[in-house]
Amino acid sequence: MPYLHCTKLSADTYEARIKDEYDFDKDFEKKWSFILDIEGKFDIPEDLLGQLGWKDNDLLEWFETRSEEFLLVKIVK
């Protein structure tokens, strides 16, 4: 299942790279930037959601890996 490796670029902007649980070290070609809005919600681009197979109402979990880096993973119910 794909997930996002996210790195903080500024106070409210993050860079996301698609990763896969079976190929953690392989970078996919495209990177995305997204914003953490005033309510603390991520504004993830629709094309990125589509490529991951995620929807707006999916439950996502955040796993901090290092300072200013985290993984964003879809929780399958």
PDB file of N, CA and C in Angstrom:
ATOM      1  N   MET A   1       0.841  -1.168   0.000  1.00  0.00           N
ATOM      2  CA  MET A   1       0.000   0.000   0.000  1.00  0.00           C
ATOM      3  C   MET A   1       0.895   1.242   0.000  1.00  0.00           C
ATOM      4  N   PRO A   2       0.666   2.173  -0.903  1.00  0.00           N
ATOM      5  CA  PRO A   2       1.492   3.379  -0.957  1.00  0.00           C
ATOM      6  C   PRO A   2       1.193   4.316   0.216  1.00  0.00           C
ATOM      7  N   TYR A   3       2.179   5.122   0.555  1.00  0.00           N
ATOM      8  CA  TYR A   3       2.024   6.127   1.602  1.00  0.00           C
ATOM      9  C   TYR A   3       2.875   7.325   1.231  1.00  0.00           C
ATOM     10  N   LEU A   4       2.791   8.386   2.003  1.00  0.00           N
ATOM     11  CA  LEU A   4       3.548   9.596   1.720  1.00  0.00           C
ATOM     12  C   LEU A   4       4.659   9.800   2.741  1.00  0.00           C
ATOM     13  N   HIS A   5       5.832  10.128   2.238  1.00  0.00           N
ATOM     14  CA  HIS A   5       6.940  10.568   3.088  1.00  0.00           C
ATOM     15  C   HIS A   5       6.956  12.085   2.960  1.00  0.00           C
ATOM     16  N   CYS A   6       6.723  12.788   4.058  1.00  0.00           N
ATOM     17  CA  CYS A   6       6.548  14.240   4.029  1.00  0.00           C
ATOM     18  C   CYS A   6       7.673  14.937   4.785  1.00  0.00           C
ATOM     19  N   THR A   7       8.138  16.028   4.208  1.00  0.00           N
ATOM     20  CA  THR A   7       9.203  16.830   4.800  1.00  0.00           C
ATOM     21  C   THR A   7       8.728  18.273   4.876  1.00  0.00           C
ATOM     22  N   LYS A   8       8.916  18.892   6.021  1.00  0.00           N
ATOM     23  CA  LYS A   8       8.497  20.279   6.216  1.00  0.00           C
ATOM     24  C   LYS A   8       9.448  21.210   5.469  1.00  0.00           C
ATOM     25  N   LEU A   9       8.875  22.098   4.645  1.00  0.00           N
ATOM     26  CA  LEU A   9       9.673  23.080   3.914  1.00  0.00           C
ATOM     27  C   LEU A   9       9.628  24.449   4.582  1.00  0.00           C
ATOM     28  N   SER A  10       8.473  24.784   5.158  1.00  0.00           N
ATOM     29  CA  SER A  10       8.300  26.045   5.880  1.00  0.00           C
ATOM     30  C   SER A  10       7.212  25.834   6.924  1.00  0.00           C
ATOM     31  N   ALA A  11       6.789  26.902   7.568  1.00  0.00           N
ATOM     32  CA  ALA A  11       5.828  26.785   8.672  1.00  0.00           C
ATOM     33  C   ALA A  11       4.552  26.040   8.291  1.00  0.00           C
ATOM     34  N   ASP A  12       4.076  26.202   7.059  1.00  0.00           N
ATOM     35  CA  ASP A  12       2.820  25.558   6.668  1.00  0.00           C
ATOM     36  C   ASP A  12       2.900  24.785   5.353  1.00  0.00           C
ATOM     37  N   THR A  13       4.095  24.602   4.805  1.00  0.00           N
ATOM     38  CA  THR A  13       4.252  23.928   3.515  1.00  0.00           C
ATOM     39  C   THR A  13       5.106  22.672   3.675  1.00  0.00           C
ATOM     40  N   TYR A  14       4.651  21.591   3.031  1.00  0.00           N
ATOM     41  CA  TYR A  14       5.332  20.301   3.095  1.00  0.00           C
ATOM     42  C   TYR A  14       5.583  19.774   1.698  1.00  0.00           C
ATOM     43  N   GLU A  15       6.648  18.998   1.551  1.00  0.00           N
ATOM     44  CA  GLU A  15       6.914  18.282   0.308  1.00  0.00           C
ATOM     45  C   GLU A  15       6.578  16.819   0.565  1.00  0.00           C
ATOM     46  N   ALA A  16       5.855  16.216  -0.376  1.00  0.00           N
ATOM     47  CA  ALA A  16       5.455  14.815  -0.224  1.00  0.00           C
ATOM     48  C   ALA A  16       6.025  13.993  -1.366  1.00  0.00           C
ATOM     49  N   ARG A  17       6.514  12.809  -1.038  1.00  0.00           N
ATOM     50  CA  ARG A  17       6.976  11.838  -2.031  1.00  0.00           C
ATOM     51  C   ARG A  17       6.218  10.548  -1.789  1.00  0.00           C
ATOM     52  N   ILE A  18       5.739   9.946  -2.863  1.00  0.00           N
ATOM     53  CA  ILE A  18       5.045   8.670  -2.737  1.00  0.00           C
ATOM     54  C   ILE A  18       6.067   7.578  -2.475  1.00  0.00           C
ATOM     55  N   LYS A  19       5.775   6.748  -1.500  1.00  0.00           N
ATOM     56  CA  LYS A  19       6.605   5.585  -1.174  1.00  0.00           C
ATOM     57  C   LYS A  19       5.714   4.352  -1.188  1.00  0.00           C
ATOM     58  N   ASP A  20       6.328   3.198  -1.090  1.00  0.00           N
ATOM     59  CA  ASP A  20       5.588   1.943  -1.035  1.00  0.00           C
ATOM     60  C   ASP A  20       6.209   1.078   0.046  1.00  0.00           C
ATOM     61  N   GLU A  21       5.376   0.368   0.801  1.00  0.00           N
ATOM     62  CA  GLU A  21       5.890  -0.423   1.925  1.00  0.00           C
ATOM     63  C   GLU A  21       6.902  -1.475   1.506  1.00  0.00           C
ATOM     64  N   TYR A  22       6.873  -1.909   0.245  1.00  0.00           N
ATOM     65  CA  TYR A  22       7.793  -2.948  -0.218  1.00  0.00           C
ATOM     66  C   TYR A  22       9.044  -2.382  -0.868  1.00  0.00           C
ATOM     67  N   ASP A  23       9.104  -1.075  -1.022  1.00  0.00           N
ATOM     68  CA  ASP A  23      10.235  -0.447  -1.696  1.00  0.00           C
ATOM     69  C   ASP A  23      10.511   0.907  -1.052  1.00  0.00           C
ATOM     70  N   PHE A  24      10.816   0.911   0.243  1.00  0.00           N
ATOM     71  CA  PHE A  24      10.916   2.143   1.025  1.00  0.00           C
ATOM     72  C   PHE A  24      11.926   3.129   0.460  1.00  0.00           C
ATOM     73  N   ASP A  25      13.061   2.663  -0.029  1.00  0.00           N
ATOM     74  CA  ASP A  25      14.120   3.578  -0.453  1.00  0.00           C
ATOM     75  C   ASP A  25      13.978   4.104  -1.872  1.00  0.00           C
ATOM     76  N   LYS A  26      13.030   3.582  -2.640  1.00  0.00           N
ATOM     77  CA  LYS A  26      12.884   4.024  -4.025  1.00  0.00           C
ATOM     78  C   LYS A  26      12.031   5.287  -4.093  1.00  0.00           C
ATOM     79  N   ASP A  27      12.589   6.340  -4.668  1.00  0.00           N
ATOM     80  CA  ASP A  27      11.825   7.562  -4.883  1.00  0.00           C
ATOM     81  C   ASP A  27      11.020   7.427  -6.162  1.00  0.00           C
ATOM     82  N   PHE A  28       9.753   7.820  -6.109  1.00  0.00           N
ATOM     83  CA  PHE A  28       8.952   7.892  -7.317  1.00  0.00           C
ATOM     84  C   PHE A  28       9.300   9.204  -8.007  1.00  0.00           C
ATOM     85  N   GLU A  29       8.947   9.320  -9.271  1.00  0.00           N
ATOM     86  CA  GLU A  29       9.406  10.458 -10.064  1.00  0.00           C
ATOM     87  C   GLU A  29       8.904  11.811  -9.574  1.00  0.00           C
ATOM     88  N   LYS A  30       7.633  11.908  -9.224  1.00  0.00           N
ATOM     89  CA  LYS A  30       7.047  13.205  -8.953  1.00  0.00           C
ATOM     90  C   LYS A  30       7.014  13.535  -7.464  1.00  0.00           C
ATOM     91  N   LYS A  31       7.224  14.811  -7.158  1.00  0.00           N
ATOM     92  CA  LYS A  31       7.094  15.324  -5.797  1.00  0.00           C
ATOM     93  C   LYS A  31       5.936  16.314  -5.797  1.00  0.00           C
ATOM     94  N   TRP A  32       5.291  16.441  -4.665  1.00  0.00           N
ATOM     95  CA  TRP A  32       4.201  17.386  -4.526  1.00  0.00           C
ATOM     96  C   TRP A  32       4.461  18.279  -3.330  1.00  0.00           C
ATOM     97  N   SER A  33       3.900  19.477  -3.375  1.00  0.00           N
ATOM     98  CA  SER A  33       3.876  20.354  -2.208  1.00  0.00           C
ATOM     99  C   SER A  33       2.428  20.505  -1.782  1.00  0.00           C
ATOM    100  N   PHE A  34       2.199  20.575  -0.478  1.00  0.00           N
ATOM    101  CA  PHE A  34       0.849  20.837  -0.001  1.00  0.00           C
ATOM    102  C   PHE A  34       0.920  21.685   1.255  1.00  0.00           C
ATOM    103  N   ILE A  35      -0.226  22.252   1.602  1.00  0.00           N
ATOM    104  CA  ILE A  35      -0.309  23.241   2.670  1.00  0.00           C
ATOM    105  C   ILE A  35      -1.106  22.689   3.846  1.00  0.00           C
ATOM    106  N   LEU A  36      -0.678  23.027   5.046  1.00  0.00           N
ATOM    107  CA  LEU A  36      -1.446  22.780   6.261  1.00  0.00           C
ATOM    108  C   LEU A  36      -2.275  24.041   6.489  1.00  0.00           C
ATOM    109  N   ASP A  37      -3.628  23.922   6.396  1.00  0.00           N
ATOM    110  CA  ASP A  37      -4.461  25.125   6.474  1.00  0.00           C
ATOM    111  C   ASP A  37      -4.637  25.615   7.909  1.00  0.00           C
ATOM    112  N   ILE A  38      -5.349  26.711   8.054  1.00  0.00           N
ATOM    113  CA  ILE A  38      -5.518  27.361   9.351  1.00  0.00           C
ATOM    114  C   ILE A  38      -6.219  26.473  10.378  1.00  0.00           C
ATOM    115  N   GLU A  39      -7.024  25.504   9.911  1.00  0.00           N
ATOM    116  CA  GLU A  39      -7.727  24.579  10.806  1.00  0.00           C
ATOM    117  C   GLU A  39      -6.888  23.342  11.136  1.00  0.00           C
ATOM    118  N   GLY A  40      -5.664  23.282  10.615  1.00  0.00           N
ATOM    119  CA  GLY A  40      -4.794  22.139  10.871  1.00  0.00           C
ATOM    120  C   GLY A  40      -5.055  20.964   9.951  1.00  0.00           C
ATOM    121  N   LYS A  41      -5.702  21.216   8.808  1.00  0.00           N
ATOM    122  CA  LYS A  41      -5.986  20.159   7.832  1.00  0.00           C
ATOM    123  C   LYS A  41      -5.053  20.312   6.637  1.00  0.00           C
ATOM    124  N   PHE A  42      -4.637  19.175   6.092  1.00  0.00           N
ATOM    125  CA  PHE A  42      -3.799  19.203   4.902  1.00  0.00           C
ATOM    126  C   PHE A  42      -4.655  19.416   3.668  1.00  0.00           C
ATOM    127  N   ASP A  43      -4.190  20.261   2.776  1.00  0.00           N
ATOM    128  CA  ASP A  43      -4.829  20.464   1.481  1.00  0.00           C
ATOM    129  C   ASP A  43      -3.998  19.680   0.467  1.00  0.00           C
ATOM    130  N   ILE A  44      -4.331  18.390   0.306  1.00  0.00           N
ATOM    131  CA  ILE A  44      -3.564  17.501  -0.570  1.00  0.00           C
ATOM    132  C   ILE A  44      -4.137  17.582  -1.979  1.00  0.00           C
ATOM    133  N   PRO A  45      -3.302  17.798  -3.004  1.00  0.00           N
ATOM    134  CA  PRO A  45      -3.780  17.921  -4.381  1.00  0.00           C
ATOM    135  C   PRO A  45      -4.564  16.683  -4.841  1.00  0.00           C
ATOM    136  N   GLU A  46      -5.621  16.925  -5.627  1.00  0.00           N
ATOM    137  CA  GLU A  46      -6.490  15.845  -6.111  1.00  0.00           C
ATOM    138  C   GLU A  46      -5.724  14.803  -6.925  1.00  0.00           C
ATOM    139  N   ASP A  47      -4.763  15.232  -7.762  1.00  0.00           N
ATOM    140  CA  ASP A  47      -4.023  14.254  -8.574  1.00  0.00           C
ATOM    141  C   ASP A  47      -3.181  13.326  -7.698  1.00  0.00           C
ATOM    142  N   LEU A  48      -2.678  13.840  -6.582  1.00  0.00           N
ATOM    143  CA  LEU A  48      -1.924  13.010  -5.647  1.00  0.00           C
ATOM    144  C   LEU A  48      -2.853  12.017  -4.947  1.00  0.00           C
ATOM    145  N   LEU A  49      -4.010  12.482  -4.481  1.00  0.00           N
ATOM    146  CA  LEU A  49      -4.990  11.575  -3.862  1.00  0.00           C
ATOM    147  C   LEU A  49      -5.365  10.457  -4.829  1.00  0.00           C
ATOM    148  N   GLY A  50      -5.606  10.817  -6.092  1.00  0.00           N
ATOM    149  CA  GLY A  50      -5.982   9.825  -7.099  1.00  0.00           C
ATOM    150  C   GLY A  50      -4.889   8.804  -7.344  1.00  0.00           C
ATOM    151  N   GLN A  51      -3.654   9.241  -7.400  1.00  0.00           N
ATOM    152  CA  GLN A  51      -2.545   8.322  -7.640  1.00  0.00           C
ATOM    153  C   GLN A  51      -2.370   7.343  -6.476  1.00  0.00           C
ATOM    154  N   LEU A  52      -2.680   7.799  -5.266  1.00  0.00           N
ATOM    155  CA  LEU A  52      -2.584   6.946  -4.082  1.00  0.00           C
ATOM    156  C   LEU A  52      -3.809   6.055  -3.900  1.00  0.00           C
ATOM    157  N   GLY A  53      -4.913   6.410  -4.578  1.00  0.00           N
ATOM    158  CA  GLY A  53      -6.169   5.696  -4.368  1.00  0.00           C
ATOM    159  C   GLY A  53      -6.866   6.150  -3.093  1.00  0.00           C
ATOM    160  N   TRP A  54      -6.557   7.365  -2.623  1.00  0.00           N
ATOM    161  CA  TRP A  54      -7.150   7.917  -1.409  1.00  0.00           C
ATOM    162  C   TRP A  54      -8.302   8.839  -1.780  1.00  0.00           C
ATOM    163  N   LYS A  55      -9.214   9.048  -0.818  1.00  0.00           N
ATOM    164  CA  LYS A  55     -10.339   9.973  -0.988  1.00  0.00           C
ATOM    165  C   LYS A  55     -10.286  11.010   0.130  1.00  0.00           C
ATOM    166  N   ASP A  56     -11.022  12.104  -0.063  1.00  0.00           N
ATOM    167  CA  ASP A  56     -11.041  13.187   0.930  1.00  0.00           C
ATOM    168  C   ASP A  56     -11.440  12.727   2.326  1.00  0.00           C
ATOM    169  N   ASN A  57     -12.339  11.752   2.415  1.00  0.00           N
ATOM    170  CA  ASN A  57     -12.847  11.349   3.728  1.00  0.00           C
ATOM    171  C   ASN A  57     -12.137  10.122   4.307  1.00  0.00           C
ATOM    172  N   ASP A  58     -11.038   9.677   3.699  1.00  0.00           N
ATOM    173  CA  ASP A  58     -10.278   8.542   4.239  1.00  0.00           C
ATOM    174  C   ASP A  58      -9.621   8.921   5.569  1.00  0.00           C
ATOM    175  N   LEU A  59      -9.473   7.921   6.426  1.00  0.00           N
ATOM    176  CA  LEU A  59      -8.783   8.109   7.700  1.00  0.00           C
ATOM    177  C   LEU A  59      -7.284   7.934   7.460  1.00  0.00           C
ATOM    178  N   LEU A  60      -6.512   8.969   7.800  1.00  0.00           N
ATOM    179  CA  LEU A  60      -5.060   8.946   7.619  1.00  0.00           C
ATOM    180  C   LEU A  60      -4.383   9.050   8.978  1.00  0.00           C
ATOM    181  N   GLU A  61      -3.238   8.398   9.105  1.00  0.00           N
ATOM    182  CA  GLU A  61      -2.474   8.486  10.349  1.00  0.00           C
ATOM    183  C   GLU A  61      -1.086   9.031  10.046  1.00  0.00           C
ATOM    184  N   TRP A  62      -0.583   9.815  10.959  1.00  0.00           N
ATOM    185  CA  TRP A  62       0.698  10.511  10.834  1.00  0.00           C
ATOM    186  C   TRP A  62       1.688   9.831  11.764  1.00  0.00           C
ATOM    187  N   PHE A  63       2.837   9.402  11.225  1.00  0.00           N
ATOM    188  CA  PHE A  63       3.897   8.780  12.015  1.00  0.00           C
ATOM    189  C   PHE A  63       5.152   9.634  11.891  1.00  0.00           C
ATOM    190  N   GLU A  64       5.540  10.286  12.977  1.00  0.00           N
ATOM    191  CA  GLU A  64       6.740  11.123  12.947  1.00  0.00           C
ATOM    192  C   GLU A  64       7.968  10.225  12.856  1.00  0.00           C
ATOM    193  N   THR A  65       8.851  10.515  11.902  1.00  0.00           N
ATOM    194  CA  THR A  65      10.059   9.713  11.725  1.00  0.00           C
ATOM    195  C   THR A  65      11.298  10.443  12.230  1.00  0.00           C
ATOM    196  N   ARG A  66      11.361  11.727  11.995  1.00  0.00           N
ATOM    197  CA  ARG A  66      12.455  12.585  12.454  1.00  0.00           C
ATOM    198  C   ARG A  66      11.900  13.981  12.641  1.00  0.00           C
ATOM    199  N   SER A  67      12.730  14.859  13.131  1.00  0.00           N
ATOM    200  CA  SER A  67      12.313  16.249  13.254  1.00  0.00           C
ATOM    201  C   SER A  67      11.951  16.776  11.869  1.00  0.00           C
ATOM    202  N   GLU A  68      10.753  17.291  11.744  1.00  0.00           N
ATOM    203  CA  GLU A  68      10.247  17.894  10.512  1.00  0.00           C
ATOM    204  C   GLU A  68      10.040  16.896   9.378  1.00  0.00           C
ATOM    205  N   GLU A  69       9.918  15.603   9.699  1.00  0.00           N
ATOM    206  CA  GLU A  69       9.597  14.566   8.714  1.00  0.00           C
ATOM    207  C   GLU A  69       8.573  13.615   9.311  1.00  0.00           C
ATOM    208  N   PHE A  70       7.661  13.142   8.464  1.00  0.00           N
ATOM    209  CA  PHE A  70       6.682  12.172   8.928  1.00  0.00           C
ATOM    210  C   PHE A  70       6.163  11.352   7.755  1.00  0.00           C
ATOM    211  N   LEU A  71       5.528  10.236   8.081  1.00  0.00           N
ATOM    212  CA  LEU A  71       4.854   9.402   7.094  1.00  0.00           C
ATOM    213  C   LEU A  71       3.365   9.610   7.259  1.00  0.00           C
ATOM    214  N   LEU A  72       2.647   9.694   6.156  1.00  0.00           N
ATOM    215  CA  LEU A  72       1.197   9.805   6.167  1.00  0.00           C
ATOM    216  C   LEU A  72       0.657   8.537   5.521  1.00  0.00           C
ATOM    217  N   VAL A  73      -0.116   7.766   6.291  1.00  0.00           N
ATOM    218  CA  VAL A  73      -0.552   6.432   5.887  1.00  0.00           C
ATOM    219  C   VAL A  73      -2.066   6.344   5.968  1.00  0.00           C
ATOM    220  N   LYS A  74      -2.678   5.728   4.972  1.00  0.00           N
ATOM    221  CA  LYS A  74      -4.125   5.495   4.997  1.00  0.00           C
ATOM    222  C   LYS A  74      -4.413   4.312   5.918  1.00  0.00           C
ATOM    223  N   ILE A  75      -5.392   4.484   6.810  1.00  0.00           N
ATOM    224  CA  ILE A  75      -5.823   3.419   7.707  1.00  0.00           C
ATOM    225  C   ILE A  75      -7.004   2.706   7.048  1.00  0.00           C
ATOM    226  N   VAL A  76      -6.822   1.436   6.761  1.00  0.00           N
ATOM    227  CA  VAL A  76      -7.878   0.650   6.120  1.00  0.00           C
ATOM    228  C   VAL A  76      -8.776   0.097   7.212  1.00  0.00           C
ATOM    229  N   LYS A  77     -10.069   0.381   7.077  1.00  0.00           N
ATOM    230  CA  LYS A  77     -11.038  -0.061   8.095  1.00  0.00           C
ATOM    231  C   LYS A  77     -11.475  -1.475   7.851  1.00  0.00           C
TER     232      LYS A  77
END
